[in-house]
mmCIF file of all heavy atoms, coordinates in Angstrom:
data_MODEL
# 
_entry.id   MODEL 
# 
loop_
_atom_site.group_PDB 
_atom_site.id 
_atom_site.type_symbol 
_atom_site.label_atom_id 
_atom_site.label_alt_id 
_atom_site.label_comp_id 
_atom_site.label_asym_id 
_atom_site.label_entity_id 
_atom_site.label_seq_id 
_atom_site.pdbx_PDB_ins_code 
_atom_site.Cartn_x 
_atom_site.Cartn_y 
_atom_site.Cartn_z 
_atom_site.occupancy 
_atom_site.B_iso_or_equiv 
_atom_site.pdbx_formal_charge 
_atom_site.auth_seq_id 
_atom_site.auth_comp_id 
_atom_site.auth_asym_id 
_atom_site.auth_atom_id 
_atom_site.pdbx_PDB_model_num 
ATOM 1   N N   . ILE A 1 1  ? 0.841   -1.202 0.000  1.00 0.00 ? 1  ILE A N   1 
ATOM 2   C CA  . ILE A 1 1  ? 0.000   0.000  0.000  1.00 0.00 ? 1  ILE A CA  1 
ATOM 3   C C   . ILE A 1 1  ? 0.872   1.246  0.000  1.00 0.00 ? 1  ILE A C   1 
ATOM 4   O O   . ILE A 1 1  ? 1.900   1.310  0.688  1.00 0.00 ? 1  ILE A O   1 
ATOM 5   C CB  . ILE A 1 1  ? -0.936  -0.021 1.214  1.00 0.00 ? 1  ILE A CB  1 
ATOM 6   C CG1 . ILE A 1 1  ? -1.932  -1.191 1.092  1.00 0.00 ? 1  ILE A CG1 1 
ATOM 7   C CG2 . ILE A 1 1  ? -1.697  1.296  1.362  1.00 0.00 ? 1  ILE A CG2 1 
ATOM 8   C CD1 . ILE A 1 1  ? -2.725  -1.472 2.360  1.00 0.00 ? 1  ILE A CD1 1 
ATOM 9   N N   . ARG A 1 2  ? 0.469   2.219  -0.764 1.00 0.00 ? 2  ARG A N   1 
ATOM 10  C CA  . ARG A 1 2  ? 1.181   3.503  -0.850 1.00 0.00 ? 2  ARG A CA  1 
ATOM 11  C C   . ARG A 1 2  ? 1.478   4.062  0.547  1.00 0.00 ? 2  ARG A C   1 
ATOM 12  O O   . ARG A 1 2  ? 0.591   4.191  1.378  1.00 0.00 ? 2  ARG A O   1 
ATOM 13  C CB  . ARG A 1 2  ? 0.320   4.481  -1.643 1.00 0.00 ? 2  ARG A CB  1 
ATOM 14  C CG  . ARG A 1 2  ? 0.823   5.913  -1.724 1.00 0.00 ? 2  ARG A CG  1 
ATOM 15  C CD  . ARG A 1 2  ? -0.164  6.720  -2.531 1.00 0.00 ? 2  ARG A CD  1 
ATOM 16  N NE  . ARG A 1 2  ? 0.145   8.135  -2.639 1.00 0.00 ? 2  ARG A NE  1 
ATOM 17  C CZ  . ARG A 1 2  ? -0.640  9.125  -2.229 1.00 0.00 ? 2  ARG A CZ  1 
ATOM 18  N NH1 . ARG A 1 2  ? -1.811  8.851  -1.650 1.00 0.00 ? 2  ARG A NH1 1 
ATOM 19  N NH2 . ARG A 1 2  ? -0.296  10.385 -2.380 1.00 0.00 ? 2  ARG A NH2 1 
ATOM 20  N N   . GLY A 1 3  ? 2.743   4.366  0.791  1.00 0.00 ? 3  GLY A N   1 
ATOM 21  C CA  . GLY A 1 3  ? 3.161   4.953  2.050  1.00 0.00 ? 3  GLY A CA  1 
ATOM 22  C C   . GLY A 1 3  ? 3.454   3.968  3.166  1.00 0.00 ? 3  GLY A C   1 
ATOM 23  O O   . GLY A 1 3  ? 3.966   4.365  4.210  1.00 0.00 ? 3  GLY A O   1 
ATOM 24  N N   . ASP A 1 4  ? 3.174   2.678  2.958  1.00 0.00 ? 4  ASP A N   1 
ATOM 25  C CA  . ASP A 1 4  ? 3.289   1.694  4.041  1.00 0.00 ? 4  ASP A CA  1 
ATOM 26  C C   . ASP A 1 4  ? 4.686   1.065  4.049  1.00 0.00 ? 4  ASP A C   1 
ATOM 27  O O   . ASP A 1 4  ? 4.885   -0.070 3.616  1.00 0.00 ? 4  ASP A O   1 
ATOM 28  C CB  . ASP A 1 4  ? 2.206   0.627  3.880  1.00 0.00 ? 4  ASP A CB  1 
ATOM 29  C CG  . ASP A 1 4  ? 1.975   -0.173 5.149  1.00 0.00 ? 4  ASP A CG  1 
ATOM 30  O OD1 . ASP A 1 4  ? 2.655   0.101  6.158  1.00 0.00 ? 4  ASP A OD1 1 
ATOM 31  O OD2 . ASP A 1 4  ? 1.103   -1.062 5.136  1.00 0.00 ? 4  ASP A OD2 1 
ATOM 32  N N   . LEU A 1 5  ? 5.659   1.800  4.571  1.00 0.00 ? 5  LEU A N   1 
ATOM 33  C CA  . LEU A 1 5  ? 7.038   1.323  4.600  1.00 0.00 ? 5  LEU A CA  1 
ATOM 34  C C   . LEU A 1 5  ? 7.168   -0.002 5.343  1.00 0.00 ? 5  LEU A C   1 
ATOM 35  O O   . LEU A 1 5  ? 7.982   -0.851 4.978  1.00 0.00 ? 5  LEU A O   1 
ATOM 36  C CB  . LEU A 1 5  ? 7.944   2.371  5.271  1.00 0.00 ? 5  LEU A CB  1 
ATOM 37  C CG  . LEU A 1 5  ? 8.142   3.702  4.549  1.00 0.00 ? 5  LEU A CG  1 
ATOM 38  C CD1 . LEU A 1 5  ? 9.071   4.599  5.363  1.00 0.00 ? 5  LEU A CD1 1 
ATOM 39  C CD2 . LEU A 1 5  ? 8.704   3.501  3.147  1.00 0.00 ? 5  LEU A CD2 1 
ATOM 40  N N   . LYS A 1 6  ? 6.371   -0.187 6.388  1.00 0.00 ? 6  LYS A N   1 
ATOM 41  C CA  . LYS A 1 6  ? 6.452   -1.407 7.198  1.00 0.00 ? 6  LYS A CA  1 
ATOM 42  C C   . LYS A 1 6  ? 6.165   -2.653 6.366  1.00 0.00 ? 6  LYS A C   1 
ATOM 43  O O   . LYS A 1 6  ? 6.669   -3.744 6.659  1.00 0.00 ? 6  LYS A O   1 
ATOM 44  C CB  . LYS A 1 6  ? 5.472   -1.308 8.374  1.00 0.00 ? 6  LYS A CB  1 
ATOM 45  C CG  . LYS A 1 6  ? 5.498   -2.484 9.321  1.00 0.00 ? 6  LYS A CG  1 
ATOM 46  C CD  . LYS A 1 6  ? 4.653   -2.226 10.560 1.00 0.00 ? 6  LYS A CD  1 
ATOM 47  C CE  . LYS A 1 6  ? 5.372   -1.328 11.537 1.00 0.00 ? 6  LYS A CE  1 
ATOM 48  N NZ  . LYS A 1 6  ? 4.688   -1.270 12.863 1.00 0.00 ? 6  LYS A NZ  1 
ATOM 49  N N   . TYR A 1 7  ? 5.375   -2.493 5.305  1.00 0.00 ? 7  TYR A N   1 
ATOM 50  C CA  . TYR A 1 7  ? 5.008   -3.647 4.481  1.00 0.00 ? 7  TYR A CA  1 
ATOM 51  C C   . TYR A 1 7  ? 5.492   -3.510 3.031  1.00 0.00 ? 7  TYR A C   1 
ATOM 52  O O   . TYR A 1 7  ? 4.873   -4.042 2.111  1.00 0.00 ? 7  TYR A O   1 
ATOM 53  C CB  . TYR A 1 7  ? 3.496   -3.868 4.544  1.00 0.00 ? 7  TYR A CB  1 
ATOM 54  C CG  . TYR A 1 7  ? 3.068   -4.393 5.907  1.00 0.00 ? 7  TYR A CG  1 
ATOM 55  C CD1 . TYR A 1 7  ? 2.649   -3.531 6.908  1.00 0.00 ? 7  TYR A CD1 1 
ATOM 56  C CD2 . TYR A 1 7  ? 3.152   -5.754 6.202  1.00 0.00 ? 7  TYR A CD2 1 
ATOM 57  C CE1 . TYR A 1 7  ? 2.299   -4.002 8.161  1.00 0.00 ? 7  TYR A CE1 1 
ATOM 58  C CE2 . TYR A 1 7  ? 2.796   -6.241 7.447  1.00 0.00 ? 7  TYR A CE2 1 
ATOM 59  C CZ  . TYR A 1 7  ? 2.373   -5.362 8.426  1.00 0.00 ? 7  TYR A CZ  1 
ATOM 60  O OH  . TYR A 1 7  ? 2.035   -5.848 9.668  1.00 0.00 ? 7  TYR A OH  1 
ATOM 61  N N   . GLY A 1 8  ? 6.607   -2.794 2.852  1.00 0.00 ? 8  GLY A N   1 
ATOM 62  C CA  . GLY A 1 8  ? 7.282   -2.842 1.562  1.00 0.00 ? 8  GLY A CA  1 
ATOM 63  C C   . GLY A 1 8  ? 7.079   -1.694 0.606  1.00 0.00 ? 8  GLY A C   1 
ATOM 64  O O   . GLY A 1 8  ? 7.563   -1.752 -0.534 1.00 0.00 ? 8  GLY A O   1 
ATOM 65  N N   . ALA A 1 9  ? 6.380   -0.636 1.008  1.00 0.00 ? 9  ALA A N   1 
ATOM 66  C CA  . ALA A 1 9  ? 6.204   0.511  0.114  1.00 0.00 ? 9  ALA A CA  1 
ATOM 67  C C   . ALA A 1 9  ? 7.552   1.190  -0.128 1.00 0.00 ? 9  ALA A C   1 
ATOM 68  O O   . ALA A 1 9  ? 8.448   1.156  0.717  1.00 0.00 ? 9  ALA A O   1 
ATOM 69  C CB  . ALA A 1 9  ? 5.217   1.513  0.701  1.00 0.00 ? 9  ALA A CB  1 
ATOM 70  N N   . LYS A 1 10 ? 7.690   1.824  -1.273 1.00 0.00 ? 10 LYS A N   1 
ATOM 71  C CA  . LYS A 1 10 ? 8.964   2.449  -1.650 1.00 0.00 ? 10 LYS A CA  1 
ATOM 72  C C   . LYS A 1 10 ? 9.246   3.715  -0.859 1.00 0.00 ? 10 LYS A C   1 
ATOM 73  O O   . LYS A 1 10 ? 10.402  4.039  -0.591 1.00 0.00 ? 10 LYS A O   1 
ATOM 74  C CB  . LYS A 1 10 ? 8.956   2.771  -3.155 1.00 0.00 ? 10 LYS A CB  1 
ATOM 75  C CG  . LYS A 1 10 ? 8.923   1.564  -4.080 1.00 0.00 ? 10 LYS A CG  1 
ATOM 76  C CD  . LYS A 1 10 ? 9.048   2.016  -5.526 1.00 0.00 ? 10 LYS A CD  1 
ATOM 77  C CE  . LYS A 1 10 ? 9.042   0.830  -6.490 1.00 0.00 ? 10 LYS A CE  1 
ATOM 78  N NZ  . LYS A 1 10 ? 7.709   0.224  -6.592 1.00 0.00 ? 10 LYS A NZ  1 
ATOM 79  N N   . ARG A 1 11 ? 8.221   4.473  -0.526 1.00 0.00 ? 11 ARG A N   1 
ATOM 80  C CA  . ARG A 1 11 ? 8.436   5.742  0.175  1.00 0.00 ? 11 ARG A CA  1 
ATOM 81  C C   . ARG A 1 11 ? 7.260   6.022  1.116  1.00 0.00 ? 11 ARG A C   1 
ATOM 82  O O   . ARG A 1 11 ? 6.173   5.487  0.938  1.00 0.00 ? 11 ARG A O   1 
ATOM 83  C CB  . ARG A 1 11 ? 8.615   6.891  -0.812 1.00 0.00 ? 11 ARG A CB  1 
ATOM 84  C CG  . ARG A 1 11 ? 7.455   7.112  -1.759 1.00 0.00 ? 11 ARG A CG  1 
ATOM 85  C CD  . ARG A 1 11 ? 7.758   8.191  -2.779 1.00 0.00 ? 11 ARG A CD  1 
ATOM 86  N NE  . ARG A 1 11 ? 8.858   7.827  -3.646 1.00 0.00 ? 11 ARG A NE  1 
ATOM 87  C CZ  . ARG A 1 11 ? 8.709   7.112  -4.759 1.00 0.00 ? 11 ARG A CZ  1 
ATOM 88  N NH1 . ARG A 1 11 ? 7.512   6.672  -5.119 1.00 0.00 ? 11 ARG A NH1 1 
ATOM 89  N NH2 . ARG A 1 11 ? 9.738   6.806  -5.496 1.00 0.00 ? 11 ARG A NH2 1 
ATOM 90  N N   . SER A 1 12 ? 7.527   6.875  2.098  1.00 0.00 ? 12 SER A N   1 
ATOM 91  C CA  . SER A 1 12 ? 6.498   7.238  3.075  1.00 0.00 ? 12 SER A CA  1 
ATOM 92  C C   . SER A 1 12 ? 5.678   8.402  2.556  1.00 0.00 ? 12 SER A C   1 
ATOM 93  O O   . SER A 1 12 ? 5.996   9.016  1.538  1.00 0.00 ? 12 SER A O   1 
ATOM 94  C CB  . SER A 1 12 ? 7.151   7.606  4.411  1.00 0.00 ? 12 SER A CB  1 
ATOM 95  O OG  . SER A 1 12 ? 7.996   8.735  4.245  1.00 0.00 ? 12 SER A OG  1 
ATOM 96  N N   . LEU A 1 13 ? 4.610   8.719  3.285  1.00 0.00 ? 13 LEU A N   1 
ATOM 97  C CA  . LEU A 1 13 ? 3.762   9.865  2.976  1.00 0.00 ? 13 LEU A CA  1 
ATOM 98  C C   . LEU A 1 13 ? 3.925   10.926 4.059  1.00 0.00 ? 13 LEU A C   1 
ATOM 99  O O   . LEU A 1 13 ? 4.217   10.601 5.209  1.00 0.00 ? 13 LEU A O   1 
ATOM 100 C CB  . LEU A 1 13 ? 2.287   9.436  2.897  1.00 0.00 ? 13 LEU A CB  1 
ATOM 101 C CG  . LEU A 1 13 ? 1.899   8.473  1.779  1.00 0.00 ? 13 LEU A CG  1 
ATOM 102 C CD1 . LEU A 1 13 ? 0.422   8.116  1.892  1.00 0.00 ? 13 LEU A CD1 1 
ATOM 103 C CD2 . LEU A 1 13 ? 2.193   9.078  0.421  1.00 0.00 ? 13 LEU A CD2 1 
ATOM 104 N N   . PRO A 1 14 ? 3.711   12.194 3.731  1.00 0.00 ? 14 PRO A N   1 
ATOM 105 C CA  . PRO A 1 14 ? 3.754   13.242 4.752  1.00 0.00 ? 14 PRO A CA  1 
ATOM 106 C C   . PRO A 1 14 ? 2.778   12.932 5.881  1.00 0.00 ? 14 PRO A C   1 
ATOM 107 O O   . PRO A 1 14 ? 1.640   12.533 5.640  1.00 0.00 ? 14 PRO A O   1 
ATOM 108 C CB  . PRO A 1 14 ? 3.330   14.499 3.984  1.00 0.00 ? 14 PRO A CB  1 
ATOM 109 C CG  . PRO A 1 14 ? 3.658   14.208 2.551  1.00 0.00 ? 14 PRO A CG  1 
ATOM 110 C CD  . PRO A 1 14 ? 3.434   12.740 2.380  1.00 0.00 ? 14 PRO A CD  1 
ATOM 111 N N   . GLY A 1 15 ? 3.235   13.064 7.108  1.00 0.00 ? 15 GLY A N   1 
ATOM 112 C CA  . GLY A 1 15 ? 2.371   12.810 8.251  1.00 0.00 ? 15 GLY A CA  1 
ATOM 113 C C   . GLY A 1 15 ? 2.354   11.370 8.708  1.00 0.00 ? 15 GLY A C   1 
ATOM 114 O O   . GLY A 1 15 ? 1.762   11.046 9.741  1.00 0.00 ? 15 GLY A O   1 
ATOM 115 N N   . GLY A 1 16 ? 2.978   10.470 7.950  1.00 0.00 ? 16 GLY A N   1 
ATOM 116 C CA  . GLY A 1 16 ? 3.085   9.083  8.374  1.00 0.00 ? 16 GLY A CA  1 
ATOM 117 C C   . GLY A 1 16 ? 1.877   8.206  8.097  1.00 0.00 ? 16 GLY A C   1 
ATOM 118 O O   . GLY A 1 16 ? 1.837   7.048  8.518  1.00 0.00 ? 16 GLY A O   1 
ATOM 119 N N   . GLY A 1 17 ? 0.870   8.729  7.393  1.00 0.00 ? 17 GLY A N   1 
ATOM 120 C CA  . GLY A 1 17 ? -0.295  7.912  7.059  1.00 0.00 ? 17 GLY A CA  1 
ATOM 121 C C   . GLY A 1 17 ? 0.002   6.972  5.898  1.00 0.00 ? 17 GLY A C   1 
ATOM 122 O O   . GLY A 1 17 ? 1.069   7.028  5.270  1.00 0.00 ? 17 GLY A O   1 
ATOM 123 N N   . ILE A 1 18 ? -0.925  6.089  5.624  1.00 0.00 ? 18 ILE A N   1 
ATOM 124 C CA  . ILE A 1 18 ? -0.835  5.208  4.461  1.00 0.00 ? 18 ILE A CA  1 
ATOM 125 C C   . ILE A 1 18 ? -2.150  5.308  3.684  1.00 0.00 ? 18 ILE A C   1 
ATOM 126 O O   . ILE A 1 18 ? -3.165  5.737  4.228  1.00 0.00 ? 18 ILE A O   1 
ATOM 127 C CB  . ILE A 1 18 ? -0.547  3.735  4.856  1.00 0.00 ? 18 ILE A CB  1 
ATOM 128 C CG1 . ILE A 1 18 ? -1.704  3.147  5.669  1.00 0.00 ? 18 ILE A CG1 1 
ATOM 129 C CG2 . ILE A 1 18 ? 0.763   3.640  5.642  1.00 0.00 ? 18 ILE A CG2 1 
ATOM 130 C CD1 . ILE A 1 18 ? -1.540  1.657  5.987  1.00 0.00 ? 18 ILE A CD1 1 
ATOM 131 N N   . SER A 1 19 ? -2.105  4.910  2.428  1.00 0.00 ? 19 SER A N   1 
ATOM 132 C CA  . SER A 1 19 ? -3.301  5.034  1.578  1.00 0.00 ? 19 SER A CA  1 
ATOM 133 C C   . SER A 1 19 ? -4.196  3.803  1.689  1.00 0.00 ? 19 SER A C   1 
ATOM 134 O O   . SER A 1 19 ? -4.454  3.089  0.722  1.00 0.00 ? 19 SER A O   1 
ATOM 135 C CB  . SER A 1 19 ? -2.894  5.289  0.123  1.00 0.00 ? 19 SER A CB  1 
ATOM 136 O OG  . SER A 1 19 ? -2.292  6.555  0.004  1.00 0.00 ? 19 SER A OG  1 
ATOM 137 N N   . LEU A 1 20 ? -4.656  3.576  2.923  1.00 0.00 ? 20 LEU A N   1 
ATOM 138 C CA  . LEU A 1 20 ? -5.658  2.554  3.211  1.00 0.00 ? 20 LEU A CA  1 
ATOM 139 C C   . LEU A 1 20 ? -6.798  3.278  3.928  1.00 0.00 ? 20 LEU A C   1 
ATOM 140 O O   . LEU A 1 20 ? -6.568  3.958  4.931  1.00 0.00 ? 20 LEU A O   1 
ATOM 141 C CB  . LEU A 1 20 ? -5.089  1.435  4.075  1.00 0.00 ? 20 LEU A CB  1 
ATOM 142 C CG  . LEU A 1 20 ? -6.059  0.321  4.452  1.00 0.00 ? 20 LEU A CG  1 
ATOM 143 C CD1 . LEU A 1 20 ? -6.610  -0.386 3.227  1.00 0.00 ? 20 LEU A CD1 1 
ATOM 144 C CD2 . LEU A 1 20 ? -5.370  -0.695 5.379  1.00 0.00 ? 20 LEU A CD2 1 
ATOM 145 N N   . HIS A 1 21 ? -8.015  3.109  3.405  1.00 0.00 ? 21 HIS A N   1 
ATOM 146 C CA  . HIS A 1 21 ? -9.152  3.922  3.855  1.00 0.00 ? 21 HIS A CA  1 
ATOM 147 C C   . HIS A 1 21 ? -10.359 3.026  4.110  1.00 0.00 ? 21 HIS A C   1 
ATOM 148 O O   . HIS A 1 21 ? -10.763 2.244  3.240  1.00 0.00 ? 21 HIS A O   1 
ATOM 149 C CB  . HIS A 1 21 ? -9.471  4.942  2.757  1.00 0.00 ? 21 HIS A CB  1 
ATOM 150 C CG  . HIS A 1 21 ? -10.582 5.883  3.080  1.00 0.00 ? 21 HIS A CG  1 
ATOM 151 N ND1 . HIS A 1 21 ? -10.486 6.861  4.057  1.00 0.00 ? 21 HIS A ND1 1 
ATOM 152 C CD2 . HIS A 1 21 ? -11.827 6.006  2.545  1.00 0.00 ? 21 HIS A CD2 1 
ATOM 153 C CE1 . HIS A 1 21 ? -11.619 7.545  4.100  1.00 0.00 ? 21 HIS A CE1 1 
ATOM 154 N NE2 . HIS A 1 21 ? -12.451 7.044  3.205  1.00 0.00 ? 21 HIS A NE2 1 
ATOM 155 N N   . SER A 1 22 ? -10.896 3.134  5.308  1.00 0.00 ? 22 SER A N   1 
ATOM 156 C CA  . SER A 1 22 ? -12.128 2.412  5.653  1.00 0.00 ? 22 SER A CA  1 
ATOM 157 C C   . SER A 1 22 ? -13.289 3.100  4.938  1.00 0.00 ? 22 SER A C   1 
ATOM 158 O O   . SER A 1 22 ? -13.837 4.088  5.417  1.00 0.00 ? 22 SER A O   1 
ATOM 159 C CB  . SER A 1 22 ? -12.330 2.430  7.178  1.00 0.00 ? 22 SER A CB  1 
ATOM 160 O OG  . SER A 1 22 ? -13.573 1.861  7.535  1.00 0.00 ? 22 SER A OG  1 
ATOM 161 N N   . ARG A 1 23 ? -13.635 2.580  3.765  1.00 0.00 ? 23 ARG A N   1 
ATOM 162 C CA  . ARG A 1 23 ? -14.538 3.282  2.861  1.00 0.00 ? 23 ARG A CA  1 
ATOM 163 C C   . ARG A 1 23 ? -16.008 3.186  3.261  1.00 0.00 ? 23 ARG A C   1 
ATOM 164 O O   . ARG A 1 23 ? -16.761 4.140  3.141  1.00 0.00 ? 23 ARG A O   1 
ATOM 165 C CB  . ARG A 1 23 ? -14.359 2.729  1.449  1.00 0.00 ? 23 ARG A CB  1 
ATOM 166 C CG  . ARG A 1 23 ? -15.281 3.303  0.382  1.00 0.00 ? 23 ARG A CG  1 
ATOM 167 C CD  . ARG A 1 23 ? -15.036 4.776  0.141  1.00 0.00 ? 23 ARG A CD  1 
ATOM 168 N NE  . ARG A 1 23 ? -15.782 5.254  -1.036 1.00 0.00 ? 23 ARG A NE  1 
ATOM 169 C CZ  . ARG A 1 23 ? -15.860 6.525  -1.395 1.00 0.00 ? 23 ARG A CZ  1 
ATOM 170 N NH1 . ARG A 1 23 ? -15.233 7.453  -0.687 1.00 0.00 ? 23 ARG A NH1 1 
ATOM 171 N NH2 . ARG A 1 23 ? -16.544 6.879  -2.455 1.00 0.00 ? 23 ARG A NH2 1 
ATOM 172 N N   . ARG A 1 24 ? -16.423 2.020  3.758  1.00 0.00 ? 24 ARG A N   1 
ATOM 173 C CA  . ARG A 1 24 ? -17.862 1.832  3.984  1.00 0.00 ? 24 ARG A CA  1 
ATOM 174 C C   . ARG A 1 24 ? -18.098 0.794  5.085  1.00 0.00 ? 24 ARG A C   1 
ATOM 175 O O   . ARG A 1 24 ? -17.393 -0.213 5.172  1.00 0.00 ? 24 ARG A O   1 
ATOM 176 C CB  . ARG A 1 24 ? -18.521 1.373  2.686  1.00 0.00 ? 24 ARG A CB  1 
ATOM 177 C CG  . ARG A 1 24 ? -20.034 1.349  2.679  1.00 0.00 ? 24 ARG A CG  1 
ATOM 178 C CD  . ARG A 1 24 ? -20.580 1.243  1.253  1.00 0.00 ? 24 ARG A CD  1 
ATOM 179 N NE  . ARG A 1 24 ? -20.049 0.115  0.499  1.00 0.00 ? 24 ARG A NE  1 
ATOM 180 C CZ  . ARG A 1 24 ? -19.144 0.218  -0.478 1.00 0.00 ? 24 ARG A CZ  1 
ATOM 181 N NH1 . ARG A 1 24 ? -18.652 1.392  -0.827 1.00 0.00 ? 24 ARG A NH1 1 
ATOM 182 N NH2 . ARG A 1 24 ? -18.722 -0.859 -1.120 1.00 0.00 ? 24 ARG A NH2 1 
ATOM 183 N N   . VAL A 1 25 ? -19.112 1.057  5.915  1.00 0.00 ? 25 VAL A N   1 
ATOM 184 C CA  . VAL A 1 25 ? -19.591 0.058  6.870  1.00 0.00 ? 25 VAL A CA  1 
ATOM 185 C C   . VAL A 1 25 ? -21.087 -0.149 6.631  1.00 0.00 ? 25 VAL A C   1 
ATOM 186 O O   . VAL A 1 25 ? -21.822 0.819  6.415  1.00 0.00 ? 25 VAL A O   1 
ATOM 187 C CB  . VAL A 1 25 ? -19.333 0.474  8.337  1.00 0.00 ? 25 VAL A CB  1 
ATOM 188 C CG1 . VAL A 1 25 ? -17.870 0.380  8.675  1.00 0.00 ? 25 VAL A CG1 1 
ATOM 189 C CG2 . VAL A 1 25 ? -19.868 1.866  8.642  1.00 0.00 ? 25 VAL A CG2 1 
ATOM 190 N N   . GLU A 1 26 ? -21.506 -1.402 6.645  1.00 0.00 ? 26 GLU A N   1 
ATOM 191 C CA  . GLU A 1 26 ? -22.904 -1.756 6.386  1.00 0.00 ? 26 GLU A CA  1 
ATOM 192 C C   . GLU A 1 26 ? -23.356 -2.777 7.417  1.00 0.00 ? 26 GLU A C   1 
ATOM 193 O O   . GLU A 1 26 ? -22.657 -3.755 7.686  1.00 0.00 ? 26 GLU A O   1 
ATOM 194 C CB  . GLU A 1 26 ? -23.050 -2.345 4.986  1.00 0.00 ? 26 GLU A CB  1 
ATOM 195 C CG  . GLU A 1 26 ? -22.605 -1.417 3.854  1.00 0.00 ? 26 GLU A CG  1 
ATOM 196 C CD  . GLU A 1 26 ? -22.524 -2.140 2.524  1.00 0.00 ? 26 GLU A CD  1 
ATOM 197 O OE1 . GLU A 1 26 ? -23.580 -2.443 1.947  1.00 0.00 ? 26 GLU A OE1 1 
ATOM 198 O OE2 . GLU A 1 26 ? -21.396 -2.418 2.071  1.00 0.00 ? 26 GLU A OE2 1 
ATOM 199 N N   . PHE A 1 27 ? -24.531 -2.557 7.992  1.00 0.00 ? 27 PHE A N   1 
ATOM 200 C CA  . PHE A 1 27 ? -25.010 -3.444 9.037  1.00 0.00 ? 27 PHE A CA  1 
ATOM 201 C C   . PHE A 1 27 ? -26.495 -3.176 9.285  1.00 0.00 ? 27 PHE A C   1 
ATOM 202 O O   . PHE A 1 27 ? -27.055 -2.186 8.801  1.00 0.00 ? 27 PHE A O   1 
ATOM 203 C CB  . PHE A 1 27 ? -24.226 -3.219 10.338 1.00 0.00 ? 27 PHE A CB  1 
ATOM 204 C CG  . PHE A 1 27 ? -24.190 -1.781 10.788 1.00 0.00 ? 27 PHE A CG  1 
ATOM 205 C CD1 . PHE A 1 27 ? -25.122 -1.283 11.683 1.00 0.00 ? 27 PHE A CD1 1 
ATOM 206 C CD2 . PHE A 1 27 ? -23.216 -0.912 10.295 1.00 0.00 ? 27 PHE A CD2 1 
ATOM 207 C CE1 . PHE A 1 27 ? -25.101 0.045  12.082 1.00 0.00 ? 27 PHE A CE1 1 
ATOM 208 C CE2 . PHE A 1 27 ? -23.184 0.419  10.693 1.00 0.00 ? 27 PHE A CE2 1 
ATOM 209 C CZ  . PHE A 1 27 ? -24.124 0.895  11.581 1.00 0.00 ? 27 PHE A CZ  1 
ATOM 210 N N   . GLU A 1 28 ? -27.109 -4.062 10.059 1.00 0.00 ? 28 GLU A N   1 
ATOM 211 C CA  . GLU A 1 28 ? -28.479 -3.844 10.499 1.00 0.00 ? 28 GLU A CA  1 
ATOM 212 C C   . GLU A 1 28 ? -28.447 -3.043 11.792 1.00 0.00 ? 28 GLU A C   1 
ATOM 213 O O   . GLU A 1 28 ? -27.689 -3.363 12.719 1.00 0.00 ? 28 GLU A O   1 
ATOM 214 C CB  . GLU A 1 28 ? -29.169 -5.196 10.737 1.00 0.00 ? 28 GLU A CB  1 
ATOM 215 C CG  . GLU A 1 28 ? -30.615 -5.074 11.178 1.00 0.00 ? 28 GLU A CG  1 
ATOM 216 C CD  . GLU A 1 28 ? -31.250 -6.426 11.441 1.00 0.00 ? 28 GLU A CD  1 
ATOM 217 O OE1 . GLU A 1 28 ? -31.032 -6.967 12.550 1.00 0.00 ? 28 GLU A OE1 1 
ATOM 218 O OE2 . GLU A 1 28 ? -31.938 -6.941 10.550 1.00 0.00 ? 28 GLU A OE2 1 
# 
């Protein structure tokens, strides 16, 4: 994943975040 140095990304992102986003939650 973009920015995820811990899991093999080439470079980090400003602020230390990674490009993984909890997009949607669905439930009753």
